Amino acid sequence: MKTFPFRPAAARVPRALVCAGLLAALPLLTGCGDAGGLVGAGSTPTASGPVHLWPDRQGAVVPPADPGGAPPEYVKGIDPVRGQDVHGVDPVALVQAELRAHPKTDVGPDGMPAETAAAIRKCGKEGAEPGECPVLTPYYRDLTGNGEDELIIGIEYPDKMMSVRVYTADADGRLNRIMATTQTVINVDLAGRDVILRVPSGNNGYELITAWSWDEKQLTMLPTREQIVRVPGNPQGSANPGHGGHGAGAGKGPGKGPGTGSGDGPGAGAGTGPGTGPRSKTSGAPDGPGTP
């Protein structure tokens, strides 16, 4: 009976480990793979850093930064907030309290058109239509990072202008307004702990996107990032009218094609009925109120 020498499995070294060892020893000269042969890594681009131009020139002096946001202001004339829970605050009563504290104010964070102020004073009263109140449904989001939601209010002004205001409650029950800005607003978004405003830019075909963020030193929301972006052409779309049909046969016949109509005269006449061409898609309605 023929016997064979025993070879322990531990003595067998997998091919992948052999390749790994060779690559570690000669990383630039050898290569392992099923196809075999050397593989070139290609040329390495030369690293280049920023170059400071005209280093001897005396630069302009930059004045100290302006915070740019509305200073924090405690709202007077409302009940204390319990447990820092702003969900129980009536947004209409809150804005009405601010109107009483700053009557006939046209400019600044509390500035408001007279017709808007008059409409807000009527909100909730007998005979007032709910849809006519300029104070929009509020939203809630933790913007300060303290674990409690802030109250976000929007107020509609004429000509697509809008006042966006944010409030937070402290441990003593005081409601503090930490953001107030009035812009011609395209839309408002929440992203993380930022309030994002999209407004028309001064250049046609572009819009300005501004991110407002909580600043722990100023204790207010500040515009921290701005970006100018191109607007796609014809963003709202345009309705495409249908195409008229063609009459068939002599005289007046039924129209053919997407539209319906009658052709005149012998042969194929142009139809006069409305067609059923593709319609433009309009943007959907925003999501409902609450925490996005």
C-alpha atoms as a PDB file:
ATOM      1  CA  MET A   1       0.000   0.000   0.000  1.00  0.00           C
ATOM      2  CA  LYS A   2       1.449   3.344  -1.085  1.00  0.00           C
ATOM      3  CA  THR A   3       1.669   6.049   1.544  1.00  0.00           C
ATOM      4  CA  PHE A   4       2.004   9.819   1.218  1.00  0.00           C
ATOM      5  CA  PRO A   5       3.852  12.143   3.553  1.00  0.00           C
ATOM      6  CA  PHE A   6       1.618  14.160   5.873  1.00  0.00           C
ATOM      7  CA  ARG A   7       1.694  17.960   5.296  1.00  0.00           C
ATOM      8  CA  PRO A   8       0.043  20.003   8.052  1.00  0.00           C
ATOM      9  CA  ALA A   9      -2.531  22.621   6.987  1.00  0.00           C
ATOM     10  CA  ALA A  10      -0.688  25.342   8.909  1.00  0.00           C
ATOM     11  CA  ALA A  11       2.192  25.020   6.494  1.00  0.00           C
ATOM     12  CA  ARG A  12       0.034  26.069   3.612  1.00  0.00           C
ATOM     13  CA  VAL A  13       0.193  29.863   3.237  1.00  0.00           C
ATOM     14  CA  PRO A  14      -2.738  31.360   1.338  1.00  0.00           C
ATOM     15  CA  ARG A  15      -1.843  33.141  -1.843  1.00  0.00           C
ATOM     16  CA  ALA A  16      -3.444  36.349  -0.661  1.00  0.00           C
ATOM     17  CA  LEU A  17      -1.097  36.544   2.335  1.00  0.00           C
ATOM     18  CA  VAL A  18       1.905  35.961   0.074  1.00  0.00           C
ATOM     19  CA  CYS A  19       0.767  38.814  -2.151  1.00  0.00           C
ATOM     20  CA  ALA A  20       0.228  41.042   0.861  1.00  0.00           C
ATOM     21  CA  GLY A  21       3.753  40.323   2.080  1.00  0.00           C
ATOM     22  CA  LEU A  22       5.259  41.072  -1.299  1.00  0.00           C
ATOM     23  CA  LEU A  23       3.324  44.308  -1.579  1.00  0.00           C
ATOM     24  CA  ALA A  24       4.501  45.389   1.856  1.00  0.00           C
ATOM     25  CA  ALA A  25       8.096  44.699   0.898  1.00  0.00           C
ATOM     26  CA  LEU A  26       8.051  46.246  -2.556  1.00  0.00           C
ATOM     27  CA  PRO A  27       5.051  48.547  -2.773  1.00  0.00           C
ATOM     28  CA  LEU A  28       6.220  50.394  -5.860  1.00  0.00           C
ATOM     29  CA  LEU A  29       7.778  47.566  -7.838  1.00  0.00           C
ATOM     30  CA  THR A  30       5.511  44.574  -7.559  1.00  0.00           C
ATOM     31  CA  GLY A  31       1.847  43.762  -7.826  1.00  0.00           C
ATOM     32  CA  CYS A  32      -0.277  40.706  -7.168  1.00  0.00           C
ATOM     33  CA  GLY A  33      -3.494  39.782  -8.837  1.00  0.00           C
ATOM     34  CA  ASP A  34      -5.212  37.039 -10.672  1.00  0.00           C
ATOM     35  CA  ALA A  35      -4.163  38.534 -14.018  1.00  0.00           C
ATOM     36  CA  GLY A  36      -0.543  38.983 -12.909  1.00  0.00           C
ATOM     37  CA  GLY A  37       1.819  41.723 -13.976  1.00  0.00           C
ATOM     38  CA  LEU A  38       2.715  45.141 -12.647  1.00  0.00           C
ATOM     39  CA  VAL A  39       0.108  47.876 -12.305  1.00  0.00           C
ATOM     40  CA  GLY A  40       1.084  51.530 -12.581  1.00  0.00           C
ATOM     41  CA  ALA A  41      -0.439  54.029 -10.162  1.00  0.00           C
ATOM     42  CA  GLY A  42      -0.022  56.925 -12.588  1.00  0.00           C
ATOM     43  CA  SER A  43       1.640  60.260 -12.051  1.00  0.00           C
ATOM     44  CA  THR A  44       1.134  62.059  -8.762  1.00  0.00           C
ATOM     45  CA  PRO A  45      -0.107  65.663  -9.104  1.00  0.00           C
ATOM     46  CA  THR A  46       2.123  68.327  -7.655  1.00  0.00           C
ATOM     47  CA  ALA A  47       0.646  69.835  -4.498  1.00  0.00           C
ATOM     48  CA  SER A  48       0.132  73.596  -4.660  1.00  0.00           C
ATOM     49  CA  GLY A  49      -1.046  75.845  -1.859  1.00  0.00           C
ATOM     50  CA  PRO A  50      -2.589  79.335  -1.928  1.00  0.00           C
ATOM     51  CA  VAL A  51      -0.297  82.147  -2.978  1.00  0.00           C
ATOM     52  CA  HIS A  52      -0.615  85.481  -1.215  1.00  0.00           C
ATOM     53  CA  LEU A  53      -0.409  88.198  -3.885  1.00  0.00           C
ATOM     54  CA  TRP A  54       1.288  91.545  -3.231  1.00  0.00           C
ATOM     55  CA  PRO A  55       2.447  90.686   0.290  1.00  0.00           C
ATOM     56  CA  ASP A  56       3.941  94.152   0.855  1.00  0.00           C
ATOM     57  CA  ARG A  57       0.662  95.939   0.255  1.00  0.00           C
ATOM     58  CA  GLN A  58      -1.022  97.506   3.305  1.00  0.00           C
ATOM     59  CA  GLY A  59      -4.491  95.976   3.507  1.00  0.00           C
ATOM     60  CA  ALA A  60      -7.717  97.674   4.494  1.00  0.00           C
ATOM     61  CA  VAL A  61      -8.762  97.695   8.130  1.00  0.00           C
ATOM     62  CA  VAL A  62     -11.864  95.607   8.851  1.00  0.00           C
ATOM     63  CA  PRO A  63     -14.172  97.136  11.487  1.00  0.00           C
ATOM     64  CA  PRO A  64     -15.544  94.931  14.262  1.00  0.00           C
ATOM     65  CA  ALA A  65     -18.295  92.604  13.121  1.00  0.00           C
ATOM     66  CA  ASP A  66     -21.887  93.689  13.547  1.00  0.00           C
ATOM     67  CA  PRO A  67     -23.979  90.837  14.966  1.00  0.00           C
ATOM     68  CA  GLY A  68     -26.547  91.583  12.275  1.00  0.00           C
ATOM     69  CA  GLY A  69     -29.472  90.018  14.100  1.00  0.00           C
ATOM     70  CA  ALA A  70     -32.138  91.441  16.331  1.00  0.00           C
ATOM     71  CA  PRO A  71     -30.995  91.749  19.965  1.00  0.00           C
ATOM     72  CA  PRO A  72     -32.768  89.355  22.322  1.00  0.00           C
ATOM     73  CA  GLU A  73     -35.897  90.909  23.730  1.00  0.00           C
ATOM     74  CA  TYR A  74     -38.267  89.558  26.348  1.00  0.00           C
ATOM     75  CA  VAL A  75     -41.918  89.758  25.316  1.00  0.00           C
ATOM     76  CA  LYS A  76     -44.124  91.627  27.756  1.00  0.00           C
ATOM     77  CA  GLY A  77     -47.834  91.273  28.300  1.00  0.00           C
ATOM     78  CA  ILE A  78     -48.228  87.480  28.094  1.00  0.00           C
ATOM     79  CA  ASP A  79     -48.537  84.764  30.716  1.00  0.00           C
ATOM     80  CA  PRO A  80     -45.328  83.064  31.940  1.00  0.00           C
ATOM     81  CA  VAL A  81     -44.300  79.940  30.076  1.00  0.00           C
ATOM     82  CA  ARG A  82     -44.343  76.846  32.264  1.00  0.00           C
ATOM     83  CA  GLY A  83     -41.529  74.346  32.017  1.00  0.00           C
ATOM     84  CA  GLN A  84     -40.049  76.175  29.002  1.00  0.00           C
ATOM     85  CA  ASP A  85     -42.790  74.571  26.895  1.00  0.00           C
ATOM     86  CA  VAL A  86     -43.566  77.030  24.099  1.00  0.00           C
ATOM     87  CA  HIS A  87     -46.193  74.698  22.604  1.00  0.00           C
ATOM     88  CA  GLY A  88     -48.762  76.226  24.937  1.00  0.00           C
ATOM     89  CA  VAL A  89     -48.137  79.805  23.749  1.00  0.00           C
ATOM     90  CA  ASP A  90     -50.878  81.308  21.569  1.00  0.00           C
ATOM     91  CA  PRO A  91     -48.996  82.745  18.550  1.00  0.00           C
ATOM     92  CA  VAL A  92     -51.692  85.310  17.761  1.00  0.00           C
ATOM     93  CA  ALA A  93     -51.807  86.579  21.350  1.00  0.00           C
ATOM     94  CA  LEU A  94     -48.021  86.752  21.299  1.00  0.00           C
ATOM     95  CA  VAL A  95     -47.866  88.944  18.179  1.00  0.00           C
ATOM     96  CA  GLN A  96     -50.714  91.100  19.489  1.00  0.00           C
ATOM     97  CA  ALA A  97     -48.723  91.647  22.705  1.00  0.00           C
ATOM     98  CA  GLU A  98     -45.756  92.816  20.652  1.00  0.00           C
ATOM     99  CA  LEU A  99     -48.001  95.217  18.762  1.00  0.00           C
ATOM    100  CA  ARG A 100     -49.176  96.727  22.047  1.00  0.00           C
ATOM    101  CA  ALA A 101     -45.565  97.094  23.214  1.00  0.00           C
ATOM    102  CA  HIS A 102     -44.453  98.743  19.949  1.00  0.00           C
ATOM    103  CA  PRO A 103     -47.428 100.632  18.476  1.00  0.00           C
ATOM    104  CA  LYS A 104     -47.108 102.430  15.137  1.00  0.00           C
ATOM    105  CA  THR A 105     -43.611 101.056  14.484  1.00  0.00           C
ATOM    106  CA  ASP A 106     -42.740 101.061  10.770  1.00  0.00           C
ATOM    107  CA  VAL A 107     -39.084  99.988  10.696  1.00  0.00           C
ATOM    108  CA  GLY A 108     -36.786  97.618  12.556  1.00  0.00           C
ATOM    109  CA  PRO A 109     -37.539  94.164  13.963  1.00  0.00           C
ATOM    110  CA  ASP A 110     -40.984  95.311  15.134  1.00  0.00           C
ATOM    111  CA  GLY A 111     -41.766  97.270  11.979  1.00  0.00           C
ATOM    112  CA  MET A 112     -45.093  96.329  10.413  1.00  0.00           C
ATOM    113  CA  PRO A 113     -47.369  97.823   7.730  1.00  0.00           C
ATOM    114  CA  ALA A 114     -50.421  99.549   9.143  1.00  0.00           C
ATOM    115  CA  GLU A 115     -52.866  97.294   7.275  1.00  0.00           C
ATOM    116  CA  THR A 116     -51.107  94.171   8.595  1.00  0.00           C
ATOM    117  CA  ALA A 117     -51.189  95.480  12.161  1.00  0.00           C
ATOM    118  CA  ALA A 118     -54.906  96.253  11.827  1.00  0.00           C
ATOM    119  CA  ALA A 119     -55.606  92.746  10.532  1.00  0.00           C
ATOM    120  CA  ILE A 120     -53.653  91.178  13.414  1.00  0.00           C
ATOM    121  CA  ARG A 121     -55.645  93.142  15.974  1.00  0.00           C
ATOM    122  CA  LYS A 122     -58.822  91.618  14.520  1.00  0.00           C
ATOM    123  CA  CYS A 123     -57.530  88.030  14.652  1.00  0.00           C
ATOM    124  CA  GLY A 124     -59.700  85.790  16.824  1.00  0.00           C
ATOM    125  CA  LYS A 125     -62.405  88.391  17.345  1.00  0.00           C
ATOM    126  CA  GLU A 126     -66.063  87.846  16.565  1.00  0.00           C
ATOM    127  CA  GLY A 127     -66.815  88.222  12.872  1.00  0.00           C
ATOM    128  CA  ALA A 128     -63.184  87.887  11.775  1.00  0.00           C
ATOM    129  CA  GLU A 129     -62.450  85.273   9.119  1.00  0.00           C
ATOM    130  CA  PRO A 130     -59.734  82.812  10.221  1.00  0.00           C
ATOM    131  CA  GLY A 131     -58.117  82.838   6.775  1.00  0.00           C
ATOM    132  CA  GLU A 132     -57.633  86.602   6.929  1.00  0.00           C
ATOM    133  CA  CYS A 133     -55.298  86.536   9.955  1.00  0.00           C
ATOM    134  CA  PRO A 134     -51.718  87.308   8.802  1.00  0.00           C
ATOM    135  CA  VAL A 135     -50.187  85.185  11.603  1.00  0.00           C
ATOM    136  CA  LEU A 136     -49.378  81.796  10.070  1.00  0.00           C
ATOM    137  CA  THR A 137     -49.522  78.391  11.750  1.00  0.00           C
ATOM    138  CA  PRO A 138     -46.435  78.072  13.986  1.00  0.00           C
ATOM    139  CA  TYR A 139     -43.642  75.515  13.810  1.00  0.00           C
ATOM    140  CA  TYR A 140     -41.470  74.097  16.581  1.00  0.00           C
ATOM    141  CA  ARG A 141     -37.829  73.036  16.603  1.00  0.00           C
ATOM    142  CA  ASP A 142     -34.920  72.995  19.069  1.00  0.00           C
ATOM    143  CA  LEU A 143     -32.734  75.699  17.538  1.00  0.00           C
ATOM    144  CA  THR A 144     -30.621  76.596  20.584  1.00  0.00           C
ATOM    145  CA  GLY A 145     -29.535  73.080  21.522  1.00  0.00           C
ATOM    146  CA  ASN A 146     -30.970  73.268  25.036  1.00  0.00           C
ATOM    147  CA  GLY A 147     -33.254  70.281  24.493  1.00  0.00           C
ATOM    148  CA  GLU A 148     -36.421  72.413  24.354  1.00  0.00           C
ATOM    149  CA  ASP A 149     -38.345  73.489  21.272  1.00  0.00           C
ATOM    150  CA  GLU A 150     -38.348  77.081  20.100  1.00  0.00           C
ATOM    151  CA  LEU A 151     -41.438  78.742  18.640  1.00  0.00           C
ATOM    152  CA  ILE A 152     -41.189  79.842  14.981  1.00  0.00           C
ATOM    153  CA  ILE A 153     -43.775  82.319  13.730  1.00  0.00           C
ATOM    154  CA  GLY A 154     -44.382  83.739  10.261  1.00  0.00           C
ATOM    155  CA  ILE A 155     -46.380  86.905   9.563  1.00  0.00           C
ATOM    156  CA  GLU A 156     -47.560  87.634   6.023  1.00  0.00           C
ATOM    157  CA  TYR A 157     -47.012  91.179   4.755  1.00  0.00           C
ATOM    158  CA  PRO A 158     -48.166  92.708   1.459  1.00  0.00           C
ATOM    159  CA  ASP A 159     -46.199  92.098  -1.766  1.00  0.00           C
ATOM    160  CA  LYS A 160     -44.948  88.639  -0.722  1.00  0.00           C
ATOM    161  CA  MET A 161     -42.986  90.102   2.184  1.00  0.00           C
ATOM    162  CA  MET A 162     -42.837  88.134   5.411  1.00  0.00           C
ATOM    163  CA  SER A 163     -41.669  88.563   8.988  1.00  0.00           C
ATOM    164  CA  VAL A 164     -39.999  85.471  10.463  1.00  0.00           C
ATOM    165  CA  ARG A 165     -39.670  85.456  14.250  1.00  0.00           C
ATOM    166  CA  VAL A 166     -38.277  82.886  16.699  1.00  0.00           C
ATOM    167  CA  TYR A 167     -38.919  82.726  20.448  1.00  0.00           C
ATOM    168  CA  THR A 168     -37.409  80.702  23.282  1.00  0.00           C
ATOM    169  CA  ALA A 169     -38.456  80.391  26.920  1.00  0.00           C
ATOM    170  CA  ASP A 170     -36.050  80.569  29.845  1.00  0.00           C
ATOM    171  CA  ALA A 171     -36.223  78.780  33.181  1.00  0.00           C
ATOM    172  CA  ASP A 172     -38.031  81.774  34.748  1.00  0.00           C
ATOM    173  CA  GLY A 173     -40.920  81.507  32.277  1.00  0.00           C
ATOM    174  CA  ARG A 174     -39.957  84.562  30.237  1.00  0.00           C
ATOM    175  CA  LEU A 175     -40.450  84.371  26.473  1.00  0.00           C
ATOM    176  CA  ASN A 176     -37.454  85.778  24.637  1.00  0.00           C
ATOM    177  CA  ARG A 177     -37.495  86.718  20.964  1.00  0.00           C
ATOM    178  CA  ILE A 178     -34.175  85.612  19.459  1.00  0.00           C
ATOM    179  CA  MET A 179     -34.835  86.252  15.756  1.00  0.00           C
ATOM    180  CA  ALA A 180     -36.830  88.806  13.794  1.00  0.00           C
ATOM    181  CA  THR A 181     -36.278  89.565  10.132  1.00  0.00           C
ATOM    182  CA  THR A 182     -38.498  90.901   7.351  1.00  0.00           C
ATOM    183  CA  GLN A 183     -37.754  89.799   3.799  1.00  0.00           C
ATOM    184  CA  THR A 184     -39.393  89.303   0.425  1.00  0.00           C
ATOM    185  CA  VAL A 185     -39.461  85.574   0.987  1.00  0.00           C
ATOM    186  CA  ILE A 186     -39.639  82.775  -1.587  1.00  0.00           C
ATOM    187  CA  ASN A 187     -39.839  80.108   1.098  1.00  0.00           C
ATOM    188  CA  VAL A 188     -38.579  79.173   4.574  1.00  0.00           C
ATOM    189  CA  ASP A 189     -37.014  75.826   5.522  1.00  0.00           C
ATOM    190  CA  LEU A 190     -35.696  74.155   8.655  1.00  0.00           C
ATOM    191  CA  ALA A 191     -32.424  72.234   8.369  1.00  0.00           C
ATOM    192  CA  GLY A 192     -31.059  70.807  11.588  1.00  0.00           C
ATOM    193  CA  ARG A 193     -30.884  73.778  13.958  1.00  0.00           C
ATOM    194  CA  ASP A 194     -30.906  76.400  11.195  1.00  0.00           C
ATOM    195  CA  VAL A 195     -33.680  78.518   9.737  1.00  0.00           C
ATOM    196  CA  ILE A 196     -33.103  78.819   5.982  1.00  0.00           C
ATOM    197  CA  LEU A 197     -34.569  81.779   4.075  1.00  0.00           C
ATOM    198  CA  ARG A 198     -34.693  81.915   0.278  1.00  0.00           C
ATOM    199  CA  VAL A 199     -35.159  85.419  -1.109  1.00  0.00           C
ATOM    200  CA  PRO A 200     -34.814  86.971  -4.578  1.00  0.00           C
ATOM    201  CA  SER A 201     -31.335  88.181  -5.435  1.00  0.00           C
ATOM    202  CA  GLY A 202     -30.496  91.532  -6.972  1.00  0.00           C
ATOM    203  CA  ASN A 203     -29.430  89.705 -10.149  1.00  0.00           C
ATOM    204  CA  ASN A 204     -32.017  88.235 -12.494  1.00  0.00           C
ATOM    205  CA  GLY A 205     -31.993  84.461 -12.522  1.00  0.00           C
ATOM    206  CA  TYR A 206     -30.414  84.133  -9.064  1.00  0.00           C
ATOM    207  CA  GLU A 207     -31.684  83.858  -5.518  1.00  0.00           C
ATOM    208  CA  LEU A 208     -30.060  84.355  -2.127  1.00  0.00           C
ATOM    209  CA  ILE A 209     -30.133  81.580   0.491  1.00  0.00           C
ATOM    210  CA  THR A 210     -29.400  82.661   4.071  1.00  0.00           C
ATOM    211  CA  ALA A 211     -28.967  80.321   7.040  1.00  0.00           C
ATOM    212  CA  TRP A 212     -29.792  81.747  10.477  1.00  0.00           C
ATOM    213  CA  SER A 213     -28.102  79.962  13.397  1.00  0.00           C
ATOM    214  CA  TRP A 214     -28.036  80.275  17.180  1.00  0.00           C
ATOM    215  CA  ASP A 215     -25.067  82.213  18.562  1.00  0.00           C
ATOM    216  CA  GLU A 216     -24.285  81.413  22.185  1.00  0.00           C
ATOM    217  CA  LYS A 217     -22.267  84.598  22.713  1.00  0.00           C
ATOM    218  CA  GLN A 218     -24.878  86.974  21.325  1.00  0.00           C
ATOM    219  CA  LEU A 219     -27.765  84.844  22.673  1.00  0.00           C
ATOM    220  CA  THR A 220     -29.637  85.371  19.420  1.00  0.00           C
ATOM    221  CA  MET A 221     -30.047  83.925  15.930  1.00  0.00           C
ATOM    222  CA  LEU A 222     -27.617  85.369  13.393  1.00  0.00           C
ATOM    223  CA  PRO A 223     -27.253  85.044   9.610  1.00  0.00           C
ATOM    224  CA  THR A 224     -24.189  82.795   9.530  1.00  0.00           C
ATOM    225  CA  ARG A 225     -24.058  81.559   5.915  1.00  0.00           C
ATOM    226  CA  GLU A 226     -25.168  83.028   2.613  1.00  0.00           C
ATOM    227  CA  GLN A 227     -25.165  81.526  -0.858  1.00  0.00           C
ATOM    228  CA  ILE A 228     -26.217  82.883  -4.245  1.00  0.00           C
ATOM    229  CA  VAL A 229     -27.596  80.169  -6.518  1.00  0.00           C
ATOM    230  CA  ARG A 230     -28.851  80.132 -10.081  1.00  0.00           C
ATOM    231  CA  VAL A 231     -32.569  79.614 -10.588  1.00  0.00           C
ATOM    232  CA  PRO A 232     -33.486  77.108 -13.328  1.00  0.00           C
ATOM    233  CA  GLY A 233     -35.230  78.689 -16.280  1.00  0.00           C
ATOM    234  CA  ASN A 234     -39.027  78.844 -16.091  1.00  0.00           C
ATOM    235  CA  PRO A 235     -39.244  77.082 -12.693  1.00  0.00           C
ATOM    236  CA  GLN A 236     -43.032  77.298 -12.581  1.00  0.00           C
ATOM    237  CA  GLY A 237     -43.439  75.664 -15.984  1.00  0.00           C
ATOM    238  CA  SER A 238     -45.813  76.745 -18.693  1.00  0.00           C
ATOM    239  CA  ALA A 239     -49.002  75.204 -19.881  1.00  0.00           C
ATOM    240  CA  ASN A 240     -48.684  73.450 -23.248  1.00  0.00           C
ATOM    241  CA  PRO A 241     -51.816  73.844 -25.336  1.00  0.00           C
ATOM    242  CA  GLY A 242     -53.170  70.807 -27.102  1.00  0.00           C
ATOM    243  CA  HIS A 243     -52.898  70.348 -30.855  1.00  0.00           C
ATOM    244  CA  GLY A 244     -55.879  70.544 -33.151  1.00  0.00           C
ATOM    245  CA  GLY A 245     -56.881  67.450 -35.065  1.00  0.00           C
ATOM    246  CA  HIS A 246     -57.148  66.938 -38.818  1.00  0.00           C
ATOM    247  CA  GLY A 247     -60.428  66.273 -40.566  1.00  0.00           C
ATOM    248  CA  ALA A 248     -60.715  63.148 -42.701  1.00  0.00           C
ATOM    249  CA  GLY A 249     -62.497  62.684 -46.041  1.00  0.00           C
ATOM    250  CA  ALA A 250     -64.449  65.183 -48.069  1.00  0.00           C
ATOM    251  CA  GLY A 251     -66.361  67.878 -46.329  1.00  0.00           C
ATOM    252  CA  LYS A 252     -66.507  67.958 -42.544  1.00  0.00           C
ATOM    253  CA  GLY A 253     -65.264  64.833 -40.814  1.00  0.00           C
ATOM    254  CA  PRO A 254     -64.274  63.842 -37.284  1.00  0.00           C
ATOM    255  CA  GLY A 255     -60.896  65.115 -36.148  1.00  0.00           C
ATOM    256  CA  LYS A 256     -57.942  62.827 -35.592  1.00  0.00           C
ATOM    257  CA  GLY A 257     -55.023  63.094 -33.166  1.00  0.00           C
ATOM    258  CA  PRO A 258     -54.908  64.358 -29.600  1.00  0.00           C
ATOM    259  CA  GLY A 259     -57.462  67.091 -30.170  1.00  0.00           C
ATOM    260  CA  THR A 260     -61.027  66.912 -31.353  1.00  0.00           C
ATOM    261  CA  GLY A 261     -62.237  69.037 -34.164  1.00  0.00           C
ATOM    262  CA  SER A 262     -63.641  69.133 -37.691  1.00  0.00           C
ATOM    263  CA  GLY A 263     -61.777  69.706 -40.890  1.00  0.00           C
ATOM    264  CA  ASP A 264     -63.207  71.785 -43.739  1.00  0.00           C
ATOM    265  CA  GLY A 265     -62.953  70.979 -47.376  1.00  0.00           C
ATOM    266  CA  PRO A 266     -61.724  67.853 -49.109  1.00  0.00           C
ATOM    267  CA  GLY A 267     -58.836  65.940 -47.685  1.00  0.00           C
ATOM    268  CA  ALA A 268     -57.377  66.589 -44.272  1.00  0.00           C
ATOM    269  CA  GLY A 269     -58.520  69.871 -42.770  1.00  0.00           C
ATOM    270  CA  ALA A 270     -57.186  71.410 -39.563  1.00  0.00           C
ATOM    271  CA  GLY A 271     -59.281  70.674 -36.471  1.00  0.00           C
ATOM    272  CA  THR A 272     -60.517  73.480 -34.259  1.00  0.00           C
ATOM    273  CA  GLY A 273     -61.150  71.651 -30.965  1.00  0.00           C
ATOM    274  CA  PRO A 274     -58.864  71.931 -27.934  1.00  0.00           C
ATOM    275  CA  GLY A 275     -56.188  69.279 -27.741  1.00  0.00           C
ATOM    276  CA  THR A 276     -54.984  67.232 -24.829  1.00  0.00           C
ATOM    277  CA  GLY A 277     -51.307  68.111 -24.784  1.00  0.00           C
ATOM    278  CA  PRO A 278     -49.117  67.695 -21.705  1.00  0.00           C
ATOM    279  CA  ARG A 279     -49.805  70.007 -18.836  1.00  0.00           C
ATOM    280  CA  SER A 280     -47.170  71.693 -16.697  1.00  0.00           C
ATOM    281  CA  LYS A 281     -46.486  70.392 -13.221  1.00  0.00           C
ATOM    282  CA  THR A 282     -46.933  72.888 -10.420  1.00  0.00           C
ATOM    283  CA  SER A 283     -45.237  72.706  -7.088  1.00  0.00           C
ATOM    284  CA  GLY A 284     -47.038  70.779  -4.342  1.00  0.00           C
ATOM    285  CA  ALA A 285     -48.424  72.320  -1.195  1.00  0.00           C
ATOM    286  CA  PRO A 286     -46.071  72.491   1.805  1.00  0.00           C
ATOM    287  CA  ASP A 287     -46.291  70.009   4.616  1.00  0.00           C
ATOM    288  CA  GLY A 288     -48.650  70.643   7.463  1.00  0.00           C
ATOM    289  CA  PRO A 289     -47.693  72.430  10.664  1.00  0.00           C
ATOM    290  CA  GLY A 290     -45.758  70.862  13.434  1.00  0.00           C
ATOM    291  CA  THR A 291     -42.254  69.591  13.798  1.00  0.00           C
ATOM    292  CA  PRO A 292     -40.854  68.657  10.331  1.00  0.00           C
END
